Amino acid sequence: MNNLKMLDLCTGIGGFNVAAKRNGLIETIATSEIDPFNVKFIERNLNLDNAGDASLIAIPRSEHPHQELVDQDLVPVEETGFTSLCIEDFYEGVLDFPNIVSAGFPCQDVTPANTLGNHQGINGKKSGLIHSILDTVESLEPEYAVFENSANLPKRGLDYILAELNRMGYIVEWETIAACNFGFPHYRSRCYIVAYLPTTAIARGNRRVFDLARKRANKQPNAVCPLPAENPELIKELAVVKNTRSIKLRTKRINALGNAIIPEIALAIFDAITNAEFAETKTKSVKARMSESYMASRLADGWGKAQLDMFSQTDKEIVTDMPSRGIVINGELYTGAPDRKLNPTKTTYKGLLSTLIAKDGNNNFTSGSRMSRPGKLGGLIGDIQRLGADEGGLNPAFGELIMGYEQGYTELAY
């Protein structure tokens, strides 16, 4: 069997591509990214075609803005730097239809890290890109779709995403997964969504994608590097660069890492998929497990339970807040207690670092403003300052380490 083909949307610095390469049985066929640094990174380091704006993927050629350049007898990629990936390109065999569509779509309108208060969820200007991504999934009908976003997504739009994927005929699993039990010194809790068609090996075997992730979430938070309380001097040595100008594009590299996924978690998802696809599978019926209790059904206007009252009128209660984990099978939503191996409480571990965020690239250790913020509001910069750092800025090599990327990964190749 040939390798599975993956179309990676909202590519960033290619965290899903890193996981695919580590898996060895998944090949990235194209990317989609518009951030200037990430665009250069994809071109120079990944050497993959970049289709640019994810909202322009798999739309008719006549509706693509590049068509205006073609009408002028110009080559779009030479004019814009972006490859066109219209629906005709897939049907004409220019690019294979993907087995997997992945996307770590923008979380700015979902995440609590957005301190401006404009949490519009997936209807926001940036996080709303998920609507176009779902359109792409519907057009290309991949066997699998894998998404990542903020742990706040279940309360800011997951209900709609589940409803749309269910309408398209997918079975959908989601889990809130933290990085700490994968050996990283921070929580970085994120919502992972995996949708798959009933014809896939995962579905036919009545497997669960996140079972393998659960097995791999067996490490202590200091497995990657020591916790601050264990060796504060080493943490400072790794995290601080005194001459910030000595590292080219330092801020851009940290910004990109702050928005990235952790490849090790994506790898567990991909391994679960390929373990099923490249093995013999006995066909079973997809059904809920004993640990998964019924929560709601897909109704015409959302998720809820519909009951007939004594006058034969439908009494409905629509649910928009989704739990932290669950599965949708044939229009019915099942959930269970939070899985504390994948999603430990914030009091499980003491002394963990704050997770890296994009804004950490814009702050240095010379200002005390981060350190003066209560609790974890000072972020990673405040954490390192509390260890005694008072000059320089954050070293992107430290960001690579605590995010699970190879050292030097974010350096531009030339």
Protein backbone atom coordinates (compact mmCIF):
# COMPACT_ATOMS: atom_id res chain seq x y z
CA MET A 1 0.00 0.00 0.00
CA ASN A 2 1.27 3.47 -0.90
CA ASN A 3 1.86 6.14 1.70
CA LEU A 4 -1.14 8.22 2.75
CA LYS A 5 -1.26 11.69 1.19
CA MET A 6 -1.78 14.72 3.44
CA LEU A 7 -2.87 18.25 2.55
CA ASP A 8 -1.74 20.50 5.39
CA LEU A 9 -3.71 23.73 5.84
CA CYS A 10 -2.66 26.57 8.17
CA THR A 11 0.76 24.94 8.02
CA GLY A 12 2.74 27.35 10.21
CA ILE A 13 6.21 25.87 10.60
CA GLY A 14 4.95 22.44 9.64
CA GLY A 15 4.27 20.65 12.90
CA PHE A 16 1.91 18.20 11.23
CA ASN A 17 4.50 17.66 8.49
CA VAL A 18 7.13 16.86 11.14
CA ALA A 19 4.77 14.29 12.67
CA ALA A 20 4.06 12.81 9.22
CA LYS A 21 7.78 12.40 8.54
CA ARG A 22 8.35 10.78 11.92
CA ASN A 23 5.47 8.44 11.15
CA GLY A 24 7.09 7.49 7.84
CA LEU A 25 3.88 6.41 6.11
CA ILE A 26 2.33 9.82 5.46
CA GLU A 27 3.48 12.22 2.75
CA THR A 28 2.64 15.93 2.71
CA ILE A 29 1.57 16.85 -0.82
CA ALA A 30 0.95 20.58 -0.33
CA THR A 31 0.71 23.29 2.30
CA SER A 32 -1.29 26.45 2.88
CA GLU A 33 0.17 29.43 4.73
CA ILE A 34 0.28 33.25 4.41
CA ASP A 35 2.38 34.44 7.38
CA PRO A 36 5.55 35.95 5.83
CA PHE A 37 8.06 34.12 8.03
CA ASN A 38 6.23 30.80 7.70
CA VAL A 39 5.98 31.26 3.92
CA LYS A 40 9.76 31.63 3.72
CA PHE A 41 10.22 28.68 6.06
CA ILE A 42 8.04 26.41 3.92
CA GLU A 43 9.86 27.46 0.76
CA ARG A 44 13.40 27.21 2.12
CA ASN A 45 13.22 24.46 4.72
CA LEU A 46 10.32 22.22 3.74
CA ASN A 47 10.52 22.58 -0.05
CA LEU A 48 6.78 22.04 -0.37
CA ASP A 49 4.22 23.73 -2.60
CA ASN A 50 2.38 26.47 -0.73
CA ALA A 51 -1.14 27.36 -1.87
CA GLY A 52 -1.34 30.44 0.36
CA ASP A 53 -4.76 31.42 1.67
CA ALA A 54 -6.61 28.34 2.97
CA SER A 55 -9.93 29.85 1.90
CA LEU A 56 -8.88 29.43 -1.74
CA ILE A 57 -8.23 25.68 -1.59
CA ALA A 58 -10.41 23.39 -3.78
CA ILE A 59 -12.65 26.19 -5.06
CA PRO A 60 -13.59 26.33 -8.76
CA ARG A 61 -10.85 27.73 -11.00
CA SER A 62 -13.21 30.40 -12.29
CA GLU A 63 -13.59 31.76 -8.72
CA HIS A 64 -9.88 31.75 -7.87
CA PRO A 65 -8.17 35.19 -7.97
CA HIS A 66 -5.25 33.62 -9.84
CA GLN A 67 -7.55 33.19 -12.85
CA GLU A 68 -7.19 36.91 -13.55
CA LEU A 69 -3.43 36.38 -13.93
CA VAL A 70 -3.99 33.40 -16.22
CA ASP A 71 -6.29 35.53 -18.37
CA GLN A 72 -3.37 37.97 -18.71
CA ASP A 73 -1.14 35.11 -19.89
CA LEU A 74 0.84 35.24 -16.63
CA VAL A 75 2.00 32.32 -14.47
CA PRO A 76 0.35 32.81 -11.04
CA VAL A 77 3.05 31.13 -8.94
CA GLU A 78 5.71 33.32 -10.56
CA GLU A 79 3.67 36.43 -9.83
CA THR A 80 2.48 35.64 -6.31
CA GLY A 81 4.74 32.86 -5.03
CA PHE A 82 1.67 30.73 -4.27
CA THR A 83 0.50 27.61 -6.07
CA SER A 84 -3.13 27.39 -7.18
CA LEU A 85 -5.01 24.38 -5.81
CA CYS A 86 -8.41 24.60 -7.47
CA ILE A 87 -10.89 21.75 -7.42
CA GLU A 88 -10.09 21.09 -11.11
CA ASP A 89 -6.45 20.46 -10.17
CA PHE A 90 -7.54 17.49 -8.10
CA TYR A 91 -10.00 16.11 -10.65
CA GLU A 92 -7.46 16.52 -13.49
CA GLY A 93 -4.76 14.69 -11.52
CA VAL A 94 -2.42 17.65 -11.09
CA LEU A 95 -2.47 16.77 -7.40
CA ASP A 96 -3.65 13.58 -5.74
CA PHE A 97 -6.80 13.72 -3.67
CA PRO A 98 -5.54 13.69 -0.05
CA ASN A 99 -6.23 10.87 2.39
CA ILE A 100 -5.75 13.34 5.24
CA VAL A 101 -6.53 17.05 5.57
CA SER A 102 -4.82 18.58 8.60
CA ALA A 103 -5.11 22.08 10.05
CA GLY A 104 -3.96 23.82 13.19
CA PHE A 105 -6.36 26.64 12.38
CA PRO A 106 -6.07 30.11 13.97
CA CYS A 107 -7.07 30.24 17.64
CA GLN A 108 -6.93 34.01 18.25
CA ASP A 109 -10.71 34.34 18.61
CA VAL A 110 -10.94 31.24 20.79
CA THR A 111 -7.94 31.22 23.12
CA PRO A 112 -7.82 32.78 26.61
CA ALA A 113 -4.42 34.19 25.61
CA ASN A 114 -6.38 36.83 23.70
CA THR A 115 -6.61 39.51 26.39
CA LEU A 116 -8.64 41.96 24.29
CA GLY A 117 -11.90 40.27 25.19
CA ASN A 118 -13.08 39.79 21.60
CA HIS A 119 -13.62 36.05 21.94
CA GLN A 120 -15.96 35.54 19.02
CA GLY A 121 -15.01 31.91 18.61
CA ILE A 122 -15.15 30.42 15.13
CA ASN A 123 -17.16 33.42 13.92
CA GLY A 124 -14.19 35.69 14.57
CA LYS A 125 -12.11 37.20 11.78
CA LYS A 126 -9.19 34.78 12.17
CA SER A 127 -10.60 31.62 13.76
CA GLY A 128 -13.47 31.83 11.27
CA LEU A 129 -11.11 30.30 8.72
CA ILE A 130 -12.41 26.93 9.93
CA HIS A 131 -15.52 27.51 7.78
CA SER A 132 -13.39 27.50 4.63
CA ILE A 133 -11.43 24.50 5.90
CA LEU A 134 -14.67 22.57 6.39
CA ASP A 135 -15.68 23.54 2.84
CA THR A 136 -12.38 22.06 1.63
CA VAL A 137 -13.03 18.83 3.53
CA GLU A 138 -16.47 18.59 1.98
CA SER A 139 -15.09 19.18 -1.52
CA LEU A 140 -12.16 16.75 -1.27
CA GLU A 141 -13.78 14.09 0.95
CA PRO A 142 -10.55 12.86 2.59
CA GLU A 143 -10.72 9.69 4.63
CA TYR A 144 -9.40 11.63 7.64
CA ALA A 145 -9.44 15.22 8.88
CA VAL A 146 -7.21 16.21 11.80
CA PHE A 147 -7.58 19.62 13.48
CA GLU A 148 -5.94 21.35 16.46
CA ASN A 149 -7.02 24.46 18.34
CA SER A 150 -7.35 26.01 21.78
CA ALA A 151 -8.70 24.01 24.70
CA ASN A 152 -11.46 26.66 24.77
CA LEU A 153 -12.83 25.46 21.42
CA PRO A 154 -15.45 23.13 22.98
CA LYS A 155 -17.20 26.24 24.30
CA ARG A 156 -16.51 28.49 21.32
CA GLY A 157 -17.62 26.69 18.20
CA LEU A 158 -16.88 22.97 18.46
CA ASP A 159 -20.61 22.24 18.36
CA TYR A 160 -20.82 23.68 14.84
CA ILE A 161 -17.69 21.85 13.65
CA LEU A 162 -19.06 18.54 14.93
CA ALA A 163 -22.43 19.18 13.30
CA GLU A 164 -20.84 19.96 9.93
CA LEU A 165 -18.55 16.93 9.97
CA ASN A 166 -21.49 14.76 11.01
CA ARG A 167 -23.53 16.16 8.11
CA MET A 168 -20.71 15.15 5.76
CA GLY A 169 -20.90 11.60 7.03
CA TYR A 170 -17.88 11.50 9.33
CA ILE A 171 -17.41 9.86 12.70
CA VAL A 172 -15.70 12.45 14.90
CA GLU A 173 -13.54 12.05 17.98
CA TRP A 174 -12.11 14.89 20.02
CA GLU A 175 -9.90 15.10 23.08
CA THR A 176 -8.30 17.84 25.14
CA ILE A 177 -4.64 16.88 25.35
CA ALA A 178 -1.91 18.51 27.45
CA ALA A 179 1.79 18.28 26.65
CA CYS A 180 3.03 17.55 30.18
CA ASN A 181 2.36 13.80 30.21
CA PHE A 182 4.26 13.55 26.94
CA GLY A 183 7.33 14.73 28.83
CA PHE A 184 7.16 18.50 28.25
CA PRO A 185 7.61 21.00 31.13
CA HIS A 186 4.32 22.83 30.50
CA TYR A 187 0.64 22.03 30.08
CA ARG A 188 -0.23 23.53 26.67
CA SER A 189 -3.69 21.96 26.70
CA ARG A 190 -5.18 21.84 23.21
CA CYS A 191 -8.32 20.43 21.60
CA TYR A 192 -7.58 17.81 18.94
CA ILE A 193 -10.31 16.72 16.52
CA VAL A 194 -10.08 13.64 14.30
CA ALA A 195 -12.85 12.91 11.82
CA TYR A 196 -12.93 9.75 9.69
CA LEU A 197 -15.27 8.13 7.22
CA PRO A 198 -17.11 4.90 8.09
CA THR A 199 -15.10 3.13 5.36
CA THR A 200 -11.75 3.71 7.07
CA ALA A 201 -9.87 1.01 8.94
CA ILE A 202 -10.28 2.95 12.18
CA ALA A 203 -14.07 2.90 11.83
CA ARG A 204 -14.34 -0.66 10.51
CA GLY A 205 -12.30 -1.91 13.45
CA ASN A 206 -14.32 0.16 15.96
CA ARG A 207 -11.02 1.59 17.17
CA ARG A 208 -10.38 4.92 18.87
CA VAL A 209 -7.73 7.24 17.50
CA PHE A 210 -6.78 8.59 20.91
CA ASP A 211 -6.14 5.19 22.50
CA LEU A 212 -2.52 5.28 21.30
CA ALA A 213 -2.06 8.84 22.56
CA ARG A 214 -3.33 7.64 25.94
CA LYS A 215 -0.67 4.93 26.02
CA ARG A 216 2.07 7.39 25.13
CA ALA A 217 1.03 9.93 27.74
CA ASN A 218 3.14 8.09 30.29
CA LYS A 219 6.06 10.45 30.84
CA GLN A 220 6.88 12.91 33.59
CA PRO A 221 6.93 16.63 32.72
CA ASN A 222 10.71 16.77 33.14
CA ALA A 223 11.47 14.06 30.55
CA VAL A 224 12.35 16.64 27.86
CA CYS A 225 14.24 19.06 30.08
CA PRO A 226 14.44 19.68 33.84
CA LEU A 227 11.70 21.60 35.57
CA PRO A 228 12.58 25.10 36.81
CA ALA A 229 12.47 24.02 40.46
CA GLU A 230 14.89 21.17 39.76
CA ASN A 231 17.58 23.18 37.98
CA PRO A 232 16.79 26.89 37.63
CA GLU A 233 20.32 27.77 36.50
CA LEU A 234 20.19 25.29 33.62
CA ILE A 235 16.77 26.56 32.58
CA LYS A 236 18.15 30.12 32.50
CA GLU A 237 21.18 28.97 30.54
CA LEU A 238 18.97 27.28 27.94
CA ALA A 239 16.30 29.96 27.78
CA VAL A 240 18.24 33.23 27.76
CA VAL A 241 20.23 34.84 24.97
CA LYS A 242 21.90 37.98 26.28
CA ASN A 243 22.60 39.56 22.90
CA THR A 244 19.22 39.30 21.21
CA ARG A 245 20.56 40.63 17.92
CA SER A 246 23.03 37.77 17.68
CA ILE A 247 20.24 35.42 16.58
CA LYS A 248 18.81 36.21 13.18
CA LEU A 249 15.00 36.46 13.08
CA ARG A 250 14.86 35.55 16.77
CA THR A 251 11.48 37.17 17.34
CA LYS A 252 9.91 35.66 14.22
CA ARG A 253 11.14 32.19 15.16
CA ILE A 254 9.63 32.44 18.64
CA ASN A 255 6.38 33.86 17.26
CA ALA A 256 6.13 30.88 14.91
CA LEU A 257 6.91 28.35 17.65
CA GLY A 258 4.33 29.96 19.92
CA ASN A 259 1.64 29.23 17.34
CA ALA A 260 2.89 25.73 16.53
CA ILE A 261 1.56 22.32 17.43
CA ILE A 262 3.56 19.74 19.38
CA PRO A 263 4.57 17.13 16.79
CA GLU A 264 4.76 14.30 19.35
CA ILE A 265 1.02 14.51 20.01
CA ALA A 266 0.20 14.66 16.29
CA LEU A 267 2.50 11.67 15.78
CA ALA A 268 0.41 9.57 18.19
CA ILE A 269 -2.67 10.43 16.12
CA PHE A 270 -0.96 9.61 12.82
CA ASP A 271 0.49 6.37 14.19
CA ALA A 272 -3.00 5.29 15.28
CA ILE A 273 -4.27 5.95 11.74
CA THR A 274 -1.48 4.14 9.91
CA ASN A 275 -1.40 1.27 12.41
CA ALA A 276 -5.01 0.61 11.41
CA GLU A 277 -4.68 1.34 7.70
CA PHE A 278 -1.63 -0.85 7.15
CA ALA A 279 -2.92 -3.83 9.12
CA GLU A 280 -5.64 -6.38 8.53
CA THR A 281 -8.93 -5.23 10.00
CA LYS A 282 -11.94 -7.31 10.89
CA THR A 283 -15.10 -5.38 10.17
CA LYS A 284 -17.08 -4.45 13.27
CA SER A 285 -19.94 -2.06 13.82
CA VAL A 286 -19.04 1.34 15.18
CA LYS A 287 -20.67 1.82 18.56
CA ALA A 288 -20.16 3.65 21.83
CA ARG A 289 -18.06 2.09 24.55
CA MET A 290 -19.16 1.34 28.10
CA SER A 291 -17.24 4.42 29.26
CA GLU A 292 -19.02 6.66 26.72
CA SER A 293 -22.47 7.84 27.74
CA TYR A 294 -25.07 9.37 25.44
CA MET A 295 -25.25 13.16 25.66
CA ALA A 296 -27.17 14.57 22.69
CA SER A 297 -28.39 14.02 19.13
CA ARG A 298 -28.04 16.12 16.02
CA LEU A 299 -31.25 18.07 15.61
CA ALA A 300 -32.23 20.46 12.84
CA ASP A 301 -30.96 23.47 14.78
CA GLY A 302 -28.12 22.06 16.87
CA TRP A 303 -27.25 19.40 19.42
CA GLY A 304 -29.81 18.42 22.04
CA LYS A 305 -32.36 15.97 23.31
CA ALA A 306 -35.83 16.08 21.83
CA GLN A 307 -38.79 14.67 23.74
CA LEU A 308 -42.51 14.73 23.10
CA ASP A 309 -44.62 16.30 25.81
CA MET A 310 -48.22 15.35 26.62
CA PHE A 311 -49.51 17.60 23.84
CA SER A 312 -47.22 15.90 21.28
CA GLN A 313 -45.12 18.99 20.82
CA THR A 314 -41.36 18.73 20.65
CA ASP A 315 -39.60 20.08 23.73
CA LYS A 316 -35.95 20.72 22.87
CA GLU A 317 -32.93 21.89 24.80
CA ILE A 318 -30.10 22.90 22.45
CA VAL A 319 -26.57 22.35 23.77
CA THR A 320 -23.75 24.57 22.48
CA ASP A 321 -21.10 23.94 25.15
CA MET A 322 -19.36 20.70 24.37
CA PRO A 323 -17.45 18.59 26.92
CA SER A 324 -13.65 18.32 26.80
CA ARG A 325 -13.80 14.97 25.00
CA GLY A 326 -16.27 12.84 23.12
CA ILE A 327 -17.27 11.07 19.92
CA VAL A 328 -20.02 11.55 17.35
CA ILE A 329 -21.43 8.37 15.76
CA ASN A 330 -24.34 8.51 13.31
CA GLY A 331 -25.58 11.83 14.62
CA GLU A 332 -25.37 10.91 18.29
CA LEU A 333 -22.90 12.49 20.66
CA TYR A 334 -21.29 10.45 23.43
CA THR A 335 -18.92 11.62 26.11
CA GLY A 336 -17.20 10.46 29.26
CA ALA A 337 -15.27 11.73 32.24
CA PRO A 338 -12.18 13.82 31.41
CA ASP A 339 -9.22 11.57 30.72
CA ARG A 340 -6.61 12.70 33.25
CA LYS A 341 -3.77 10.99 31.41
CA LEU A 342 -4.40 13.17 28.39
CA ASN A 343 -5.95 16.13 30.17
CA PRO A 344 -4.58 16.41 33.73
CA THR A 345 -5.97 19.12 35.99
CA LYS A 346 -3.96 22.31 36.39
CA THR A 347 -3.18 21.30 39.98
CA THR A 348 -1.71 17.90 39.06
CA TYR A 349 1.83 19.23 38.67
CA LYS A 350 3.51 22.10 40.47
CA GLY A 351 6.41 24.13 39.16
CA LEU A 352 5.68 23.74 35.43
CA LEU A 353 6.59 26.49 33.01
CA SER A 354 3.97 28.53 31.23
CA THR A 355 3.52 27.41 27.66
CA LEU A 356 5.20 29.32 24.85
CA ILE A 357 2.98 31.85 23.07
CA ALA A 358 3.68 33.98 20.01
CA LYS A 359 3.93 37.19 22.04
CA ASP A 360 6.91 35.78 23.97
CA GLY A 361 9.05 36.78 21.01
CA ASN A 362 8.12 40.45 21.49
CA ASN A 363 9.16 40.72 25.16
CA ASN A 364 12.62 40.74 26.71
CA PHE A 365 13.81 40.10 30.26
CA THR A 366 14.80 43.73 30.81
CA SER A 367 11.23 44.75 31.62
CA GLY A 368 9.66 43.77 34.92
CA SER A 369 6.08 44.07 33.68
CA ARG A 370 5.67 40.36 32.98
CA MET A 371 7.07 39.34 36.36
CA SER A 372 4.69 41.64 38.22
CA ARG A 373 1.60 39.93 36.84
CA PRO A 374 -0.08 37.50 39.24
CA GLY A 375 -0.01 33.73 38.80
CA LYS A 376 0.77 32.59 35.27
CA LEU A 377 -0.37 35.83 33.61
CA GLY A 378 3.26 36.78 33.05
CA GLY A 379 3.69 33.81 30.75
CA LEU A 380 6.98 32.13 29.93
CA ILE A 381 8.89 35.43 30.02
CA GLY A 382 7.67 36.07 33.56
CA ASP A 383 8.62 32.52 34.59
CA ILE A 384 12.21 32.94 33.40
CA GLN A 385 12.41 36.36 35.01
CA ARG A 386 11.41 34.83 38.34
CA LEU A 387 14.40 32.53 37.98
CA GLY A 388 16.64 35.60 37.92
CA ALA A 389 16.90 36.54 34.24
CA ASP A 390 17.17 40.32 33.94
CA GLU A 391 18.82 40.87 30.57
CA GLY A 392 18.49 39.67 26.98
CA GLY A 393 15.56 37.75 25.59
CA LEU A 394 14.19 34.30 24.97
CA ASN A 395 16.34 31.92 22.96
CA PRO A 396 14.40 30.25 20.10
CA ALA A 397 16.48 27.10 20.69
CA PHE A 398 14.74 26.81 24.07
CA GLY A 399 11.39 27.18 22.34
CA GLU A 400 12.30 24.37 19.97
CA LEU A 401 13.32 22.18 22.89
CA ILE A 402 10.15 22.60 24.95
CA MET A 403 7.91 22.26 21.88
CA GLY A 404 9.53 19.05 20.67
CA TYR A 405 11.30 20.27 17.54
CA GLU A 406 14.89 19.47 16.59
CA GLN A 407 17.46 22.06 17.62
CA GLY A 408 17.87 24.64 14.88
CA TYR A 409 14.61 23.59 13.23
CA THR A 410 13.33 27.17 12.85
CA GLU A 411 16.56 28.56 11.36
CA LEU A 412 15.98 29.49 7.73
CA ALA A 413 18.00 27.23 5.46
CA TYR A 414 19.58 30.04 3.37
